[in-house]
Amino acid sequence: MPLSTLLKFYRYAFAWENYLLLARASHAAWLVRRHLRGHDLTPRLEAALPALTALYLPPQPHWRISDAEKIARFASFLVQFPQTWGRCLQRSLILYRLLNGYGLPARLYLGLSQIRPETDGHAWVTRLGEGGKAFAETPDPRERFIPIYVSPLPPE
C-alpha cells in the first residue's frame, strides 16, 4: 500500500469532525426512519412531505465541516443499515437535514420518471448557489426525472 494512501487514511480515521459527523448522521438517519415509519420498498410521497418539515435543521453555530462531500458519503453508508428500503429518499432527507445544519443551504427535490411516471420516482438534494445541480449524484437526476416537489428555500 502506498504511503500516500496510508496518510490519507490516517488523516481521515483520526479527524475529530468525522466522529461528530457520524454521530450527527446516525441521529439524522434515526429521525428519518422514525418519521417515515413504514417499511415499503419505496416510501410514499405522503410520508415524505410531513417528514421534510420536521427534519429541517437550521444552521448550528458550532458545526464545522471541511468537505461537504463527507456528509454524502456518511449518508450513503447509513441508509444501507439495517435494511435497504427507500434509499434515495432516506439519503436525501439525511443530506437535507445535515447540509442545512452545517450552514450549507440545501433544497430537497422529489421527481417522477419521464419514462414511467406511474412507477418510478427519485429524491435528490441541491445546494443553493450551484445552479440546481444535484449534490453528490451522477448522473444528474434532472435528465431522467421531472421535479414534482421542491422544498421551500431555507430561512435566511
Protein backbone atom coordinates (compact mmCIF):
# COMPACT_ATOMS: atom_id res chain seq x y z
CA MET A 1 0.00 0.00 0.00
CA PRO A 2 1.47 3.37 -0.96
CA LEU A 3 2.44 5.76 1.82
CA SER A 4 0.13 8.46 0.44
CA THR A 5 -2.88 6.12 0.86
CA LEU A 6 -1.88 5.36 4.44
CA LEU A 7 -1.50 9.05 5.25
CA LYS A 8 -4.89 9.79 3.70
CA PHE A 9 -6.50 7.03 5.77
CA TYR A 10 -4.75 8.24 8.92
CA ARG A 11 -5.97 11.82 8.44
CA TYR A 12 -9.49 10.57 7.74
CA ALA A 13 -9.68 8.00 10.53
CA PHE A 14 -8.44 10.31 13.24
CA ALA A 15 -10.20 13.54 12.29
CA TRP A 16 -12.48 14.63 15.13
CA GLU A 17 -15.04 16.09 12.72
CA ASN A 18 -15.63 12.62 11.24
CA TYR A 19 -16.71 11.21 14.60
CA LEU A 20 -19.04 14.15 15.13
CA LEU A 21 -20.40 13.72 11.61
CA LEU A 22 -21.00 10.01 12.19
CA ALA A 23 -22.96 10.76 15.37
CA ARG A 24 -24.98 13.52 13.66
CA ALA A 25 -25.64 11.41 10.56
CA SER A 26 -26.70 8.42 12.71
CA HIS A 27 -29.11 10.63 14.62
CA ALA A 28 -30.48 12.06 11.37
CA ALA A 29 -30.96 8.52 9.96
CA TRP A 30 -32.82 7.53 13.12
CA LEU A 31 -35.08 10.60 12.81
CA VAL A 32 -35.75 9.91 9.13
CA ARG A 33 -36.76 6.32 9.84
CA ARG A 34 -38.93 7.45 12.72
CA HIS A 35 -40.76 9.97 10.53
CA LEU A 36 -41.18 7.64 7.56
CA ARG A 37 -42.27 4.73 9.79
CA GLY A 38 -43.40 2.35 7.01
CA HIS A 39 -41.03 -0.17 5.51
CA ASP A 40 -42.28 -0.09 1.93
CA LEU A 41 -39.59 -0.61 -0.66
CA THR A 42 -40.29 2.95 -1.75
CA PRO A 43 -41.80 5.27 0.87
CA ARG A 44 -44.79 7.18 -0.44
CA LEU A 45 -44.86 10.90 -1.16
CA GLU A 46 -47.48 11.38 1.56
CA ALA A 47 -44.91 10.20 4.14
CA ALA A 48 -42.09 12.35 2.80
CA LEU A 49 -43.74 15.76 2.89
CA PRO A 50 -44.57 15.88 6.62
CA ALA A 51 -41.14 14.42 7.39
CA LEU A 52 -39.45 17.16 5.40
CA THR A 53 -40.84 19.90 7.62
CA ALA A 54 -39.94 18.01 10.79
CA LEU A 55 -36.41 17.20 9.59
CA TYR A 56 -35.31 20.72 8.64
CA LEU A 57 -32.44 21.79 10.88
CA PRO A 58 -31.41 25.46 10.92
CA PRO A 59 -27.68 26.23 10.80
CA GLN A 60 -25.98 25.19 14.01
CA PRO A 61 -23.50 27.82 15.20
CA HIS A 62 -20.65 25.48 16.19
CA TRP A 63 -20.93 22.87 13.44
CA ARG A 64 -17.98 22.86 11.03
CA ILE A 65 -17.12 20.55 8.13
CA SER A 66 -14.02 20.61 5.94
CA ASP A 67 -15.67 18.88 2.96
CA ALA A 68 -19.42 18.70 2.32
CA GLU A 69 -18.90 15.53 0.25
CA LYS A 70 -18.20 13.71 3.53
CA ILE A 71 -21.83 14.26 4.50
CA ALA A 72 -22.95 12.46 1.33
CA ARG A 73 -20.57 9.55 1.95
CA PHE A 74 -21.78 9.08 5.53
CA ALA A 75 -25.46 9.32 4.47
CA SER A 76 -24.93 6.75 1.70
CA PHE A 77 -23.28 4.39 4.18
CA LEU A 78 -26.01 4.72 6.80
CA VAL A 79 -29.00 4.07 4.53
CA GLN A 80 -27.72 0.54 3.97
CA PHE A 81 -28.50 -0.49 7.57
CA PRO A 82 -30.45 -2.36 8.88
CA GLN A 83 -32.12 -2.86 5.52
CA THR A 84 -32.07 -1.05 2.23
CA TRP A 85 -35.54 0.43 1.81
CA GLY A 86 -36.27 3.74 0.15
CA ARG A 87 -32.59 4.62 -0.05
CA CYS A 88 -32.77 7.71 -2.25
CA LEU A 89 -35.44 9.31 -0.09
CA GLN A 90 -33.69 8.44 3.18
CA ARG A 91 -30.32 9.59 1.87
CA SER A 92 -31.81 12.84 0.57
CA LEU A 93 -33.59 13.59 3.84
CA ILE A 94 -30.39 12.95 5.82
CA LEU A 95 -28.43 15.18 3.43
CA TYR A 96 -31.10 17.88 3.58
CA ARG A 97 -31.01 17.91 7.37
CA LEU A 98 -27.22 17.86 7.74
CA LEU A 99 -26.32 20.26 4.95
CA ASN A 100 -28.70 22.85 6.36
CA GLY A 101 -27.44 22.11 9.89
CA TYR A 102 -23.86 22.72 8.75
CA GLY A 103 -24.92 26.06 7.28
CA LEU A 104 -24.81 24.87 3.66
CA PRO A 105 -28.33 25.80 2.44
CA ALA A 106 -29.97 22.94 0.58
CA ARG A 107 -33.30 22.04 -1.02
CA LEU A 108 -34.91 18.64 -1.47
CA TYR A 109 -36.41 17.62 -4.81
CA LEU A 110 -38.89 14.81 -5.43
CA GLY A 111 -39.36 13.76 -9.03
CA LEU A 112 -41.15 11.29 -11.27
CA SER A 113 -39.60 9.37 -14.13
CA GLN A 114 -40.05 10.86 -17.59
CA ILE A 115 -40.46 7.34 -18.99
CA ARG A 116 -42.52 5.56 -16.28
CA PRO A 117 -44.04 8.25 -14.03
CA GLU A 118 -46.57 5.84 -12.52
CA THR A 119 -43.89 3.57 -11.01
CA ASP A 120 -40.52 5.35 -10.84
CA GLY A 121 -39.51 8.28 -8.70
CA HIS A 122 -36.39 9.73 -7.17
CA ALA A 123 -35.36 12.14 -4.43
CA TRP A 124 -32.26 14.33 -4.52
CA VAL A 125 -30.75 17.38 -2.86
CA THR A 126 -29.30 20.53 -4.35
CA ARG A 127 -27.17 23.13 -2.64
CA LEU A 128 -28.15 26.74 -3.19
CA GLY A 129 -25.82 28.60 -5.48
CA GLU A 130 -24.94 25.54 -7.59
CA GLY A 131 -27.49 26.16 -10.33
CA GLY A 132 -29.86 23.35 -9.36
CA LYS A 133 -27.21 20.67 -9.86
CA ALA A 134 -27.84 17.56 -7.74
CA PHE A 135 -25.43 17.29 -4.81
CA ALA A 136 -23.14 14.25 -4.84
CA GLU A 137 -25.03 12.38 -7.57
CA THR A 138 -24.06 11.20 -11.01
CA PRO A 139 -25.70 11.26 -13.45
CA ASP A 140 -27.81 14.36 -12.90
CA PRO A 141 -31.35 13.22 -11.94
CA ARG A 142 -32.87 16.10 -13.92
CA GLU A 143 -32.03 14.15 -17.07
CA ARG A 144 -34.42 11.30 -16.12
CA PHE A 145 -36.84 12.77 -13.59
CA ILE A 146 -39.32 15.64 -13.66
CA PRO A 147 -39.42 17.52 -10.34
CA ILE A 148 -42.90 17.46 -8.83
CA TYR A 149 -41.95 18.93 -5.45
CA VAL A 150 -39.19 21.29 -4.37
CA SER A 151 -38.76 22.15 -0.70
CA PRO A 152 -39.05 25.80 0.28
CA LEU A 153 -35.91 27.88 0.49
CA PRO A 154 -34.29 27.58 3.90
CA PRO A 155 -34.87 30.67 6.06
CA GLU A 156 -32.03 33.18 5.99
